Structures are given as structure tokens and as C-alpha cells.
Amino acid sequence: MAQTGFYKGFVLLPHTVSRPIPKFFLTALFCILALAAFDTFAASDVSKKRTYGLRSGGEGHIQMRSLMAPVRHSATSKKTSTIPVTVILTVSNNKNVGHICNQAPRINDSLMSAWYQEPIPAGYLYDRERTHGKTNVTYRRTKAQKAEDKRLIDLINHAIGSDEVEQIMVLKGIMRMGSGAVTRLPFSSVNGCDELSITK
């Protein structure tokens, strides 16, 4: 007959055939389930930090994946060389970093289309090796460089269907996060799309 009750060190479950389950087993099972639930919550928390939520407000700077782009040899030359460049975008709201990264294919397509129609002007690229220390983000020196910024920003915002992107910086070469790379930029921090867990 089924028994229910407590005995020393054991718990008898109802509708069982007198096979007591040790209390320590139930306690261990409870702890395992609690830890699993905590880990799931923590993983979700990290995912939100990397994508859409849990970011502070204000401007954000986003490092896109590096591209191979045509660059003019000089202001008057029609010859070009294809070199790696890294694009960093400034957005008005740092909370939208994940959304902008999800639009990366459209952004890259718009940039490549623009550059193959009109190659990157000589002297336009930001060269970290020749720039010591941090400079102001509005470091552009000529009207032509500012005009190129506006041309690219307008194309990007048209591609993503919003006016979220405010500024653009095109770096010479491939920039990998870490190794002091950020210290040679005009920003205190940069969000890398490669480091984000992209969700749709």
C-alpha cells in the first residue's frame, strides 16, 4: 500500500511502492534547477547588452567589418588601388547599435556601390599611424572631405530608411578591437559589430 510521510533522512512519495528518496538528492536537484534558471537569465542579460537593450543613451560609435575599397592614388590621378578600409559610424542613440549592425549588409552595399562609382579621394582616409593621440571627431580639414562625408552618410541613411547615422570615419587598413587600437581614435569607446550577438 502507498505510504506518505517523513522518515529519518528520507521522503516517501505518495503512490509509490516504499522506495524512499533521500532528502539530499531532492536538495541537490533543487539547486541544479535553480542554477540552470540563473544561467539562462544571465545569458539573456549578456545578449541584451550586446544587442538591443541595456545600453546607456547618447551617441554611439560602431565599427563595421573591414572592406576592400578602391582609393585614388592622388587628387588628379584616375588610377586606383584596392586596399582594406574600416568604417566607423556615429549614431545618435547608442541603444540602436544592434539595429544598425543588423543593417550592415545594406550599409556595406551602399558604400561599395558609391566607391566603385566614385573611388575614395586621396587623403580622405583617416590614418591612425600618422595621427598621434586623440583628435576631435570633426577633424576634417577641407570642404571636399566634409562633402564626401555627407555623400556617404546620405547614402547609408537612405539604405537603412532612417537618419540614425550622423557621422562617418573611414580608416585606412583593418582595425581589430583591442591592442590599443581605440586609443588612436577620437572616441573613448567603440562598439564592434563583429563582437555583437546579432539577433533578428
N, C-alpha and C. Protein backbone atom coordinates (compact mmCIF):
# COMPACT_ATOMS: atom_id res chain seq x y z
N MET A 1 0.86 -1.19 0.00
CA MET A 1 0.00 0.00 0.00
C MET A 1 0.90 1.24 0.00
N ALA A 2 0.41 2.30 -0.74
CA ALA A 2 1.22 3.51 -0.83
C ALA A 2 1.33 4.19 0.51
N GLN A 3 2.49 4.76 0.76
CA GLN A 3 2.71 5.43 2.03
C GLN A 3 3.17 6.86 1.77
N THR A 4 2.77 7.75 2.66
CA THR A 4 3.22 9.14 2.58
C THR A 4 3.70 9.57 3.94
N GLY A 5 4.86 10.21 3.97
CA GLY A 5 5.32 10.66 5.28
C GLY A 5 6.80 10.87 5.30
N PHE A 6 7.34 11.32 6.41
CA PHE A 6 8.76 11.59 6.55
C PHE A 6 9.38 10.55 7.48
N TYR A 7 10.53 10.08 7.09
CA TYR A 7 11.31 9.19 7.93
C TYR A 7 12.68 9.80 8.07
N LYS A 8 13.47 9.25 8.91
CA LYS A 8 14.80 9.80 9.13
C LYS A 8 15.63 9.76 7.85
N GLY A 9 15.93 10.97 7.31
CA GLY A 9 16.81 11.05 6.15
C GLY A 9 16.13 10.72 4.84
N PHE A 10 14.85 10.40 4.85
CA PHE A 10 14.18 10.01 3.61
C PHE A 10 12.82 10.68 3.51
N VAL A 11 12.34 10.76 2.24
CA VAL A 11 10.98 11.24 2.00
C VAL A 11 10.26 10.18 1.20
N LEU A 12 9.09 9.78 1.63
CA LEU A 12 8.29 8.81 0.89
C LEU A 12 7.28 9.56 0.05
N LEU A 13 7.30 9.35 -1.25
CA LEU A 13 6.36 10.00 -2.14
C LEU A 13 5.07 9.20 -2.19
N PRO A 14 3.92 9.86 -2.39
CA PRO A 14 2.65 9.15 -2.48
C PRO A 14 2.61 8.27 -3.72
N HIS A 15 1.82 7.22 -3.65
CA HIS A 15 1.60 6.30 -4.77
C HIS A 15 2.90 5.64 -5.22
N THR A 16 3.77 5.36 -4.30
CA THR A 16 4.99 4.63 -4.63
C THR A 16 5.01 3.35 -3.81
N VAL A 17 5.87 2.48 -4.26
CA VAL A 17 5.98 1.20 -3.56
C VAL A 17 7.18 1.26 -2.64
N SER A 18 7.02 1.92 -1.55
CA SER A 18 8.00 2.02 -0.46
C SER A 18 9.44 2.11 -0.93
N ARG A 19 9.72 3.07 -1.89
CA ARG A 19 11.10 3.33 -2.31
C ARG A 19 11.44 4.76 -1.91
N PRO A 20 11.95 4.95 -0.74
CA PRO A 20 12.22 6.30 -0.25
C PRO A 20 13.32 7.00 -1.05
N ILE A 21 13.14 8.33 -1.27
CA ILE A 21 14.13 9.15 -1.97
C ILE A 21 14.88 9.98 -0.94
N PRO A 22 16.20 9.90 -0.91
CA PRO A 22 16.98 10.65 0.08
C PRO A 22 16.72 12.16 -0.03
N LYS A 23 16.67 12.83 1.11
CA LYS A 23 16.45 14.27 1.12
C LYS A 23 17.57 15.02 0.40
N PHE A 24 18.80 14.55 0.57
CA PHE A 24 19.92 15.25 -0.06
C PHE A 24 19.82 15.23 -1.58
N PHE A 25 19.20 14.17 -2.13
CA PHE A 25 19.01 14.09 -3.58
C PHE A 25 18.05 15.18 -4.04
N LEU A 26 16.94 15.35 -3.30
CA LEU A 26 15.98 16.39 -3.66
C LEU A 26 16.58 17.78 -3.52
N THR A 27 17.39 17.97 -2.48
CA THR A 27 18.05 19.27 -2.29
C THR A 27 19.01 19.57 -3.43
N ALA A 28 19.79 18.56 -3.84
CA ALA A 28 20.73 18.74 -4.95
C ALA A 28 19.99 19.04 -6.24
N LEU A 29 18.87 18.35 -6.48
CA LEU A 29 18.09 18.57 -7.69
C LEU A 29 17.55 19.99 -7.72
N PHE A 30 17.08 20.47 -6.57
CA PHE A 30 16.56 21.84 -6.48
C PHE A 30 17.66 22.85 -6.80
N CYS A 31 18.86 22.63 -6.27
CA CYS A 31 19.98 23.54 -6.51
C CYS A 31 20.37 23.57 -7.98
N ILE A 32 20.37 22.39 -8.62
CA ILE A 32 20.73 22.31 -10.04
C ILE A 32 19.74 23.09 -10.88
N LEU A 33 18.44 22.92 -10.60
CA LEU A 33 17.41 23.63 -11.35
C LEU A 33 17.51 25.14 -11.14
N ALA A 34 17.80 25.55 -9.91
CA ALA A 34 17.94 26.98 -9.62
C ALA A 34 19.13 27.59 -10.36
N LEU A 35 20.26 26.87 -10.39
CA LEU A 35 21.44 27.36 -11.10
C LEU A 35 21.20 27.44 -12.59
N ALA A 36 20.48 26.46 -13.14
CA ALA A 36 20.17 26.46 -14.57
C ALA A 36 19.32 27.67 -14.93
N ALA A 37 18.34 27.98 -14.08
CA ALA A 37 17.49 29.14 -14.32
C ALA A 37 18.29 30.43 -14.25
N PHE A 38 19.23 30.51 -13.29
CA PHE A 38 20.08 31.70 -13.16
C PHE A 38 20.98 31.88 -14.37
N ASP A 39 21.57 30.77 -14.85
CA ASP A 39 22.45 30.84 -16.02
C ASP A 39 21.68 31.30 -17.25
N THR A 40 20.44 30.83 -17.40
CA THR A 40 19.62 31.24 -18.54
C THR A 40 19.35 32.73 -18.48
N PHE A 41 19.03 33.23 -17.29
CA PHE A 41 18.78 34.66 -17.12
C PHE A 41 20.04 35.47 -17.40
N ALA A 42 21.18 34.99 -16.91
CA ALA A 42 22.45 35.70 -17.11
C ALA A 42 22.82 35.75 -18.58
N ALA A 43 22.61 34.64 -19.30
CA ALA A 43 22.91 34.60 -20.73
C ALA A 43 22.02 35.58 -21.48
N SER A 44 20.75 35.64 -21.10
CA SER A 44 19.84 36.59 -21.73
C SER A 44 20.27 38.02 -21.45
N ASP A 45 20.76 38.28 -20.25
CA ASP A 45 21.22 39.60 -19.86
C ASP A 45 22.42 40.02 -20.71
N VAL A 46 23.37 39.11 -20.91
CA VAL A 46 24.55 39.39 -21.72
C VAL A 46 24.14 39.65 -23.17
N SER A 47 23.21 38.85 -23.68
CA SER A 47 22.74 39.02 -25.05
C SER A 47 22.12 40.39 -25.25
N LYS A 48 21.36 40.85 -24.26
CA LYS A 48 20.75 42.18 -24.37
C LYS A 48 21.81 43.27 -24.36
N LYS A 49 22.84 43.09 -23.55
CA LYS A 49 23.91 44.09 -23.51
C LYS A 49 24.61 44.18 -24.86
N ARG A 50 24.72 43.05 -25.54
CA ARG A 50 25.44 43.03 -26.81
C ARG A 50 24.59 43.48 -27.99
N THR A 51 23.27 43.49 -27.81
CA THR A 51 22.43 43.83 -28.96
C THR A 51 21.59 45.06 -28.72
N TYR A 52 20.35 44.88 -28.34
CA TYR A 52 19.41 45.99 -28.35
C TYR A 52 19.25 46.70 -27.02
N GLY A 53 19.34 45.98 -25.91
CA GLY A 53 18.99 46.59 -24.64
C GLY A 53 20.18 46.82 -23.72
N LEU A 54 19.89 47.42 -22.59
CA LEU A 54 20.86 47.63 -21.51
C LEU A 54 22.06 48.46 -21.94
N ARG A 55 21.86 49.38 -22.87
CA ARG A 55 22.92 50.30 -23.25
C ARG A 55 22.55 51.70 -22.75
N SER A 56 23.54 52.47 -22.43
CA SER A 56 23.28 53.84 -22.00
C SER A 56 22.88 54.67 -23.20
N GLY A 57 22.25 55.80 -22.94
CA GLY A 57 21.83 56.67 -24.02
C GLY A 57 22.99 57.48 -24.57
N GLY A 58 22.68 58.42 -25.44
CA GLY A 58 23.72 59.25 -26.04
C GLY A 58 24.28 58.64 -27.31
N GLU A 59 25.26 59.31 -27.88
CA GLU A 59 25.86 58.85 -29.12
C GLU A 59 26.58 57.52 -28.94
N GLY A 60 26.65 56.77 -30.03
CA GLY A 60 27.41 55.53 -30.05
C GLY A 60 28.26 55.46 -31.29
N HIS A 61 29.41 54.80 -31.20
CA HIS A 61 30.32 54.65 -32.33
C HIS A 61 30.43 53.17 -32.66
N ILE A 62 30.18 52.84 -33.92
CA ILE A 62 30.06 51.44 -34.33
C ILE A 62 31.12 51.11 -35.37
N GLN A 63 31.94 50.11 -35.07
CA GLN A 63 32.93 49.64 -36.04
C GLN A 63 32.30 48.57 -36.91
N MET A 64 32.24 48.83 -38.21
CA MET A 64 31.73 47.86 -39.16
C MET A 64 32.87 46.92 -39.57
N ARG A 65 32.51 45.86 -40.27
CA ARG A 65 33.54 44.94 -40.76
C ARG A 65 34.36 45.61 -41.85
N SER A 66 35.62 45.25 -41.93
CA SER A 66 36.51 45.87 -42.91
C SER A 66 36.11 45.48 -44.33
N LEU A 67 36.37 46.40 -45.26
CA LEU A 67 36.03 46.21 -46.66
C LEU A 67 37.26 46.46 -47.53
N MET A 68 37.25 45.90 -48.72
CA MET A 68 38.27 46.22 -49.73
C MET A 68 37.68 47.27 -50.65
N ALA A 69 38.30 48.45 -50.68
CA ALA A 69 37.71 49.57 -51.42
C ALA A 69 38.73 50.22 -52.34
N PRO A 70 38.27 50.80 -53.47
CA PRO A 70 39.17 51.49 -54.39
C PRO A 70 39.51 52.89 -53.89
N VAL A 71 40.79 53.22 -53.90
CA VAL A 71 41.26 54.53 -53.43
C VAL A 71 42.13 55.16 -54.51
N ARG A 72 41.88 56.42 -54.81
CA ARG A 72 42.68 57.12 -55.82
C ARG A 72 44.12 57.33 -55.33
N HIS A 73 45.06 57.25 -56.27
CA HIS A 73 46.47 57.46 -55.93
C HIS A 73 46.73 58.91 -55.54
N SER A 74 46.07 59.84 -56.22
CA SER A 74 46.24 61.27 -55.93
C SER A 74 44.97 62.00 -56.33
N ALA A 75 44.92 63.27 -56.01
CA ALA A 75 43.72 64.05 -56.30
C ALA A 75 43.45 64.16 -57.80
N THR A 76 44.51 64.15 -58.60
CA THR A 76 44.34 64.32 -60.05
C THR A 76 44.43 63.00 -60.81
N SER A 77 44.90 61.94 -60.15
CA SER A 77 45.09 60.66 -60.84
C SER A 77 43.78 59.90 -60.96
N LYS A 78 43.63 59.19 -62.09
CA LYS A 78 42.48 58.32 -62.29
C LYS A 78 42.79 56.89 -61.85
N LYS A 79 44.07 56.63 -61.56
CA LYS A 79 44.47 55.30 -61.13
C LYS A 79 44.03 55.06 -59.69
N THR A 80 43.66 53.81 -59.43
CA THR A 80 43.21 53.46 -58.07
C THR A 80 43.90 52.19 -57.60
N SER A 81 43.94 52.03 -56.31
CA SER A 81 44.40 50.78 -55.69
C SER A 81 43.30 50.30 -54.75
N THR A 82 43.12 48.99 -54.70
CA THR A 82 42.12 48.42 -53.81
C THR A 82 42.81 48.04 -52.50
N ILE A 83 42.40 48.68 -51.42
CA ILE A 83 43.03 48.45 -50.12
C ILE A 83 41.96 48.20 -49.06
N PRO A 84 42.34 47.59 -47.93
CA PRO A 84 41.36 47.39 -46.86
C PRO A 84 41.08 48.70 -46.12
N VAL A 85 39.81 48.92 -45.81
CA VAL A 85 39.41 50.09 -45.03
C VAL A 85 38.43 49.63 -43.94
N THR A 86 38.37 50.38 -42.87
CA THR A 86 37.44 50.09 -41.78
C THR A 86 36.55 51.30 -41.55
N VAL A 87 35.26 51.07 -41.56
CA VAL A 87 34.28 52.15 -41.41
C VAL A 87 33.79 52.21 -39.97
N ILE A 88 33.79 53.40 -39.40
CA ILE A 88 33.21 53.63 -38.08
C ILE A 88 32.09 54.66 -38.22
N LEU A 89 30.90 54.28 -37.78
CA LEU A 89 29.73 55.16 -37.87
C LEU A 89 29.40 55.72 -36.50
N THR A 90 28.95 56.95 -36.46
CA THR A 90 28.45 57.56 -35.24
C THR A 90 26.93 57.65 -35.34
N VAL A 91 26.24 57.08 -34.36
CA VAL A 91 24.77 57.11 -34.35
C VAL A 91 24.29 57.97 -33.20
N SER A 92 23.11 58.55 -33.35
CA SER A 92 22.59 59.48 -32.35
C SER A 92 22.18 58.79 -31.07
N ASN A 93 21.80 57.51 -31.15
CA ASN A 93 21.33 56.79 -29.97
C ASN A 93 22.10 55.48 -29.83
N ASN A 94 22.88 55.38 -28.77
CA ASN A 94 23.70 54.19 -28.55
C ASN A 94 22.87 52.92 -28.37
N LYS A 95 21.59 53.07 -28.01
CA LYS A 95 20.73 51.91 -27.81
C LYS A 95 20.38 51.22 -29.14
N ASN A 96 20.65 51.89 -30.25
CA ASN A 96 20.31 51.33 -31.56
C ASN A 96 21.49 50.66 -32.24
N VAL A 97 22.56 50.40 -31.48
CA VAL A 97 23.75 49.77 -32.07
C VAL A 97 23.41 48.43 -32.71
N GLY A 98 22.67 47.58 -31.99
CA GLY A 98 22.31 46.28 -32.53
C GLY A 98 21.51 46.38 -33.80
N HIS A 99 20.58 47.33 -33.85
CA HIS A 99 19.76 47.52 -35.04
C HIS A 99 20.61 47.93 -36.24
N ILE A 100 21.55 48.85 -36.02
CA ILE A 100 22.42 49.30 -37.11
C ILE A 100 23.29 48.15 -37.61
N CYS A 101 23.81 47.33 -36.69
CA CYS A 101 24.63 46.20 -37.09
C CYS A 101 23.83 45.19 -37.92
N ASN A 102 22.56 45.05 -37.60
CA ASN A 102 21.72 44.16 -38.40
C ASN A 102 21.52 44.68 -39.82
N GLN A 103 21.73 45.98 -40.00
CA GLN A 103 21.60 46.60 -41.32
C GLN A 103 22.94 46.63 -42.06
N ALA A 104 23.96 45.98 -41.52
CA ALA A 104 25.31 46.03 -42.09
C ALA A 104 25.37 45.64 -43.57
N PRO A 105 24.68 44.58 -44.01
CA PRO A 105 24.75 44.24 -45.44
C PRO A 105 24.28 45.39 -46.34
N ARG A 106 23.20 46.06 -45.97
CA ARG A 106 22.71 47.19 -46.76
C ARG A 106 23.70 48.35 -46.73
N ILE A 107 24.26 48.59 -45.55
CA ILE A 107 25.23 49.68 -45.42
C ILE A 107 26.46 49.41 -46.28
N ASN A 108 26.99 48.20 -46.20
CA ASN A 108 28.17 47.84 -46.99
C ASN A 108 27.89 47.92 -48.49
N ASP A 109 26.72 47.46 -48.91
CA ASP A 109 26.37 47.53 -50.34
C ASP A 109 26.31 48.97 -50.82
N SER A 110 25.73 49.84 -50.01
CA SER A 110 25.62 51.25 -50.42
C SER A 110 26.99 51.90 -50.51
N LEU A 111 27.89 51.56 -49.57
CA LEU A 111 29.24 52.12 -49.60
C LEU A 111 30.04 51.62 -50.80
N MET A 112 29.99 50.31 -51.04
CA MET A 112 30.75 49.75 -52.16
C MET A 112 30.25 50.29 -53.49
N SER A 113 28.93 50.42 -53.62
CA SER A 113 28.36 50.98 -54.84
C SER A 113 28.83 52.41 -55.05
N ALA A 114 28.85 53.19 -53.97
CA ALA A 114 29.30 54.58 -54.06
C ALA A 114 30.77 54.67 -54.42
N TRP A 115 31.59 53.82 -53.83
CA TRP A 115 33.02 53.89 -54.06
C TRP A 115 33.43 53.38 -55.43
N TYR A 116 32.70 52.44 -55.99
CA TYR A 116 33.06 51.98 -57.34
C TYR A 116 32.55 52.93 -58.41
N GLN A 117 31.55 53.75 -58.06
CA GLN A 117 31.15 54.81 -58.97
C GLN A 117 32.09 56.00 -58.87
N GLU A 118 32.50 56.29 -57.65
CA GLU A 118 33.43 57.39 -57.38
C GLU A 118 34.41 56.94 -56.31
N PRO A 119 35.63 56.51 -56.71
CA PRO A 119 36.60 55.98 -55.73
C PRO A 119 36.91 56.96 -54.60
N ILE A 120 37.37 56.42 -53.50
CA ILE A 120 37.71 57.24 -52.33
C ILE A 120 38.81 58.24 -52.70
N PRO A 121 38.60 59.52 -52.43
CA PRO A 121 39.61 60.52 -52.79
C PRO A 121 40.91 60.31 -52.01
N ALA A 122 42.02 60.65 -52.62
CA ALA A 122 43.31 60.59 -51.94
C ALA A 122 43.30 61.54 -50.75
N GLY A 123 43.82 61.10 -49.63
CA GLY A 123 43.87 61.94 -48.44
C GLY A 123 42.60 61.92 -47.61
N TYR A 124 41.58 61.20 -48.07
CA TYR A 124 40.32 61.16 -47.32
C TYR A 124 40.40 60.22 -46.12
N LEU A 125 41.14 59.12 -46.26
CA LEU A 125 41.18 58.10 -45.21
C LEU A 125 41.85 58.62 -43.94
N TYR A 126 41.34 58.17 -42.81
CA TYR A 126 41.92 58.51 -41.50
C TYR A 126 43.04 57.51 -41.23
N ASP A 127 44.26 58.00 -41.14
CA ASP A 127 45.42 57.14 -40.94
C ASP A 127 45.84 57.18 -39.47
N ARG A 128 45.55 56.11 -38.74
CA ARG A 128 45.86 56.07 -37.31
C ARG A 128 47.35 56.13 -37.04
N GLU A 129 48.15 55.60 -37.97
CA GLU A 129 49.59 55.56 -37.75
C GLU A 129 50.20 56.96 -37.79
N ARG A 130 49.57 57.87 -38.51
CA ARG A 130 50.10 59.23 -38.62
C ARG A 130 49.41 60.19 -37.67
N THR A 131 48.44 59.71 -36.93
CA THR A 131 47.72 60.57 -36.00
C THR A 131 48.05 60.14 -34.58
N HIS A 132 48.79 60.95 -33.88
CA HIS A 132 49.22 60.61 -32.52
C HIS A 132 48.24 61.19 -31.51
N GLY A 133 47.78 60.36 -30.59
CA GLY A 133 46.82 60.83 -29.60
C GLY A 133 45.44 60.99 -30.19
N LYS A 134 44.54 61.44 -29.38
CA LYS A 134 43.16 61.60 -29.84
C LYS A 134 42.96 62.97 -30.47
N THR A 135 42.16 62.99 -31.51
CA THR A 135 41.79 64.24 -32.15
C THR A 135 40.29 64.37 -32.07
N ASN A 136 39.79 65.56 -32.32
CA ASN A 136 38.35 65.77 -32.32
C ASN A 136 37.72 64.99 -33.46
N VAL A 137 36.49 64.51 -33.24
CA VAL A 137 35.83 63.71 -34.28
C VAL A 137 35.61 64.52 -35.55
N THR A 138 35.48 65.83 -35.43
CA THR A 138 35.30 66.68 -36.61
C THR A 138 36.67 67.17 -37.09
N TYR A 139 37.55 66.21 -37.36
CA TYR A 139 38.92 66.55 -37.72
C TYR A 139 39.07 66.95 -39.18
N ARG A 140 37.99 66.80 -39.97
CA ARG A 140 38.10 67.09 -41.40
C ARG A 140 38.64 68.50 -41.64
N ARG A 141 39.52 68.61 -42.62
CA ARG A 141 40.19 69.89 -42.85
C ARG A 141 39.64 70.64 -44.06
N THR A 142 39.07 69.93 -45.02
CA THR A 142 38.65 70.59 -46.25
C THR A 142 37.16 70.42 -46.50
N LYS A 143 36.62 71.31 -47.33
CA LYS A 143 35.21 71.21 -47.71
C LYS A 143 34.96 69.94 -48.51
N ALA A 144 35.95 69.53 -49.30
CA ALA A 144 35.80 68.32 -50.11
C ALA A 144 35.63 67.09 -49.23
N GLN A 145 36.41 67.01 -48.16
CA GLN A 145 36.31 65.87 -47.25
C GLN A 145 34.96 65.85 -46.53
N LYS A 146 34.49 67.03 -46.11
CA LYS A 146 33.18 67.11 -45.46
C LYS A 146 32.06 66.75 -46.44
N ALA A 147 32.24 67.15 -47.70
CA ALA A 147 31.24 66.82 -48.72
C ALA A 147 31.18 65.31 -48.96
N GLU A 148 32.35 64.66 -48.93
CA GLU A 148 32.38 63.20 -49.09
C GLU A 148 31.71 62.52 -47.91
N ASP A 149 31.94 63.03 -46.71
CA ASP A 149 31.24 62.50 -45.53
C ASP A 149 29.73 62.55 -45.73
N LYS A 150 29.25 63.71 -46.14
CA LYS A 150 27.80 63.90 -46.31
C LYS A 150 27.25 62.98 -47.38
N ARG A 151 28.00 62.83 -48.46
CA ARG A 151 27.55 61.94 -49.54
C ARG A 151 27.36 60.52 -49.03
N LEU A 152 28.32 60.02 -48.28
CA LEU A 152 28.25 58.65 -47.78
C LEU A 152 27.18 58.50 -46.71
N ILE A 153 27.07 59.48 -45.82
CA ILE A 153 26.05 59.42 -44.76
C ILE A 153 24.65 59.41 -45.35
N ASP A 154 24.42 60.25 -46.36
CA ASP A 154 23.10 60.29 -47.00
C ASP A 154 22.76 58.95 -47.65
N LEU A 155 23.75 58.33 -48.29
CA LEU A 155 23.52 57.02 -48.92
C LEU A 155 23.21 55.95 -47.88
N ILE A 156 23.94 55.97 -46.77
CA ILE A 156 23.72 54.98 -45.70
C ILE A 156 22.33 55.14 -45.10
N ASN A 157 21.96 56.37 -44.75
CA ASN A 157 20.66 56.61 -44.14
C ASN A 157 19.52 56.26 -45.10
N HIS A 158 19.74 56.50 -46.37
CA HIS A 158 18.72 56.10 -47.36
C HIS A 158 18.60 54.57 -47.40
N ALA A 159 19.72 53.88 -47.29
CA ALA A 159 19.70 52.41 -47.35
C ALA A 159 19.00 51.80 -46.15
N ILE A 160 19.16 52.40 -44.96
CA ILE A 160 18.55 51.83 -43.75
C ILE A 160 17.20 52.45 -43.43
N GLY A 161 16.81 53.47 -44.19
CA GLY A 161 15.49 54.05 -44.02
C GLY A 161 15.33 54.91 -42.78
N SER A 162 16.41 55.55 -42.33
CA SER A 162 16.32 56.44 -41.17
C SER A 162 17.47 57.43 -41.22
N ASP A 163 17.44 58.40 -40.32
CA ASP A 163 18.53 59.38 -40.23
C ASP A 163 19.39 59.12 -39.00
N GLU A 164 19.53 57.85 -38.64
CA GLU A 164 20.21 57.48 -37.41
C GLU A 164 21.71 57.77 -37.46
N VAL A 165 22.34 57.57 -38.63
CA VAL A 165 23.79 57.77 -38.75
C VAL A 165 24.08 59.25 -38.90
N GLU A 166 24.93 59.77 -38.03
CA GLU A 166 25.25 61.20 -38.02
C GLU A 166 26.62 61.52 -38.60
N GLN A 167 27.59 60.63 -38.37
CA GLN A 167 28.95 60.88 -38.83
C GLN A 167 29.56 59.58 -39.32
N ILE A 168 30.59 59.72 -40.14
CA ILE A 168 31.30 58.55 -40.65
C ILE A 168 32.80 58.83 -40.62
N MET A 169 33.56 57.81 -40.32
CA MET A 169 35.01 57.88 -40.39
C MET A 169 35.49 56.62 -41.10
N VAL A 170 36.28 56.80 -42.14
CA VAL A 170 36.80 55.66 -42.90
C VAL A 170 38.29 55.56 -42.62
N LEU A 171 38.69 54.49 -41.95
CA LEU A 171 40.07 54.30 -41.54
C LEU A 171 40.85 53.52 -42.59
N LYS A 172 42.09 53.87 -42.74
CA LYS A 172 42.98 53.12 -43.61
C LYS A 172 43.38 51.83 -42.92
N GLY A 173 43.18 50.69 -43.61
CA GLY A 173 43.60 49.41 -43.07
C GLY A 173 42.52 48.72 -42.26
N ILE A 174 42.89 47.56 -41.73
CA ILE A 174 41.98 46.75 -40.91
C ILE A 174 42.23 47.08 -39.45
N MET A 175 41.18 47.39 -38.73
CA MET A 175 41.31 47.67 -37.31
C MET A 175 40.67 46.55 -36.51
N ARG A 176 41.45 45.95 -35.65
CA ARG A 176 40.93 44.93 -34.75
C ARG A 176 40.79 45.54 -33.37
N MET A 177 39.72 45.17 -32.69
CA MET A 177 39.48 45.71 -31.36
C MET A 177 40.59 45.26 -30.41
N GLY A 178 40.93 46.12 -29.48
CA GLY A 178 41.99 45.79 -28.54
C GLY A 178 43.35 46.23 -29.06
N SER A 179 44.38 45.85 -28.39
CA SER A 179 45.77 46.16 -28.77
C SER A 179 46.00 47.65 -28.92
N GLY A 180 45.28 48.45 -28.16
CA GLY A 180 45.49 49.89 -28.19
C GLY A 180 44.92 50.59 -29.39
N ALA A 181 44.11 49.88 -30.20
CA ALA A 181 43.57 50.49 -31.41
C ALA A 181 42.68 51.68 -31.10
N VAL A 182 41.84 51.54 -30.08
CA VAL A 182 40.89 52.60 -29.76
C VAL A 182 41.60 53.86 -29.27
N THR A 183 42.77 53.71 -28.66
CA THR A 183 43.47 54.88 -28.13
C THR A 183 43.93 55.82 -29.24
N ARG A 184 43.95 55.35 -30.48
CA ARG A 184 44.36 56.20 -31.59
C ARG A 184 43.16 56.70 -32.38
N LEU A 185 41.97 56.65 -31.75
CA LEU A 185 40.76 57.15 -32.38
C LEU A 185 40.21 58.32 -31.58
N PRO A 186 39.36 59.13 -32.20
CA PRO A 186 38.79 60.29 -31.48
C PRO A 186 37.63 59.92 -30.57
N PHE A 187 37.50 58.65 -30.18
CA PHE A 187 36.41 58.21 -29.32
C PHE A 187 36.97 57.52 -28.08
N SER A 188 36.20 57.54 -27.01
CA SER A 188 36.62 56.83 -25.81
C SER A 188 36.28 55.35 -25.90
N SER A 189 35.28 55.00 -26.70
CA SER A 189 34.89 53.60 -26.85
C SER A 189 34.23 53.38 -28.19
N VAL A 190 34.34 52.15 -28.69
CA VAL A 190 33.74 51.79 -29.98
C VAL A 190 33.06 50.44 -29.81
N ASN A 191 31.85 50.32 -30.36
CA ASN A 191 31.14 49.04 -30.37
C ASN A 191 31.45 48.32 -31.68
N GLY A 192 31.95 47.10 -31.59
CA GLY A 192 32.27 46.35 -32.80
C GLY A 192 31.14 45.43 -33.21
N CYS A 193 30.70 45.51 -34.47
CA CYS A 193 29.61 44.63 -34.93
C CYS A 193 30.04 43.17 -34.88
N ASP A 194 31.33 42.89 -35.07
CA ASP A 194 31.81 41.51 -35.01
C ASP A 194 31.65 40.93 -33.61
N GLU A 195 31.62 41.80 -32.59
CA GLU A 195 31.52 41.33 -31.21
C GLU A 195 30.08 41.20 -30.74
N LEU A 196 29.15 41.67 -31.55
CA LEU A 196 27.75 41.62 -31.14
C LEU A 196 27.13 40.29 -31.49
N SER A 197 26.20 39.86 -30.67
CA SER A 197 25.42 38.66 -30.97
C SER A 197 24.20 39.12 -31.74
N ILE A 198 24.23 39.01 -33.05
CA ILE A 198 23.17 39.57 -33.88
C ILE A 198 21.91 38.72 -33.78
N THR A 199 20.81 39.35 -33.46
CA THR A 199 19.52 38.67 -33.42
C THR A 199 18.54 39.41 -34.29
N LYS A 200 17.61 38.70 -34.84
CA LYS A 200 16.62 39.32 -35.72
C LYS A 200 15.23 39.08 -35.15
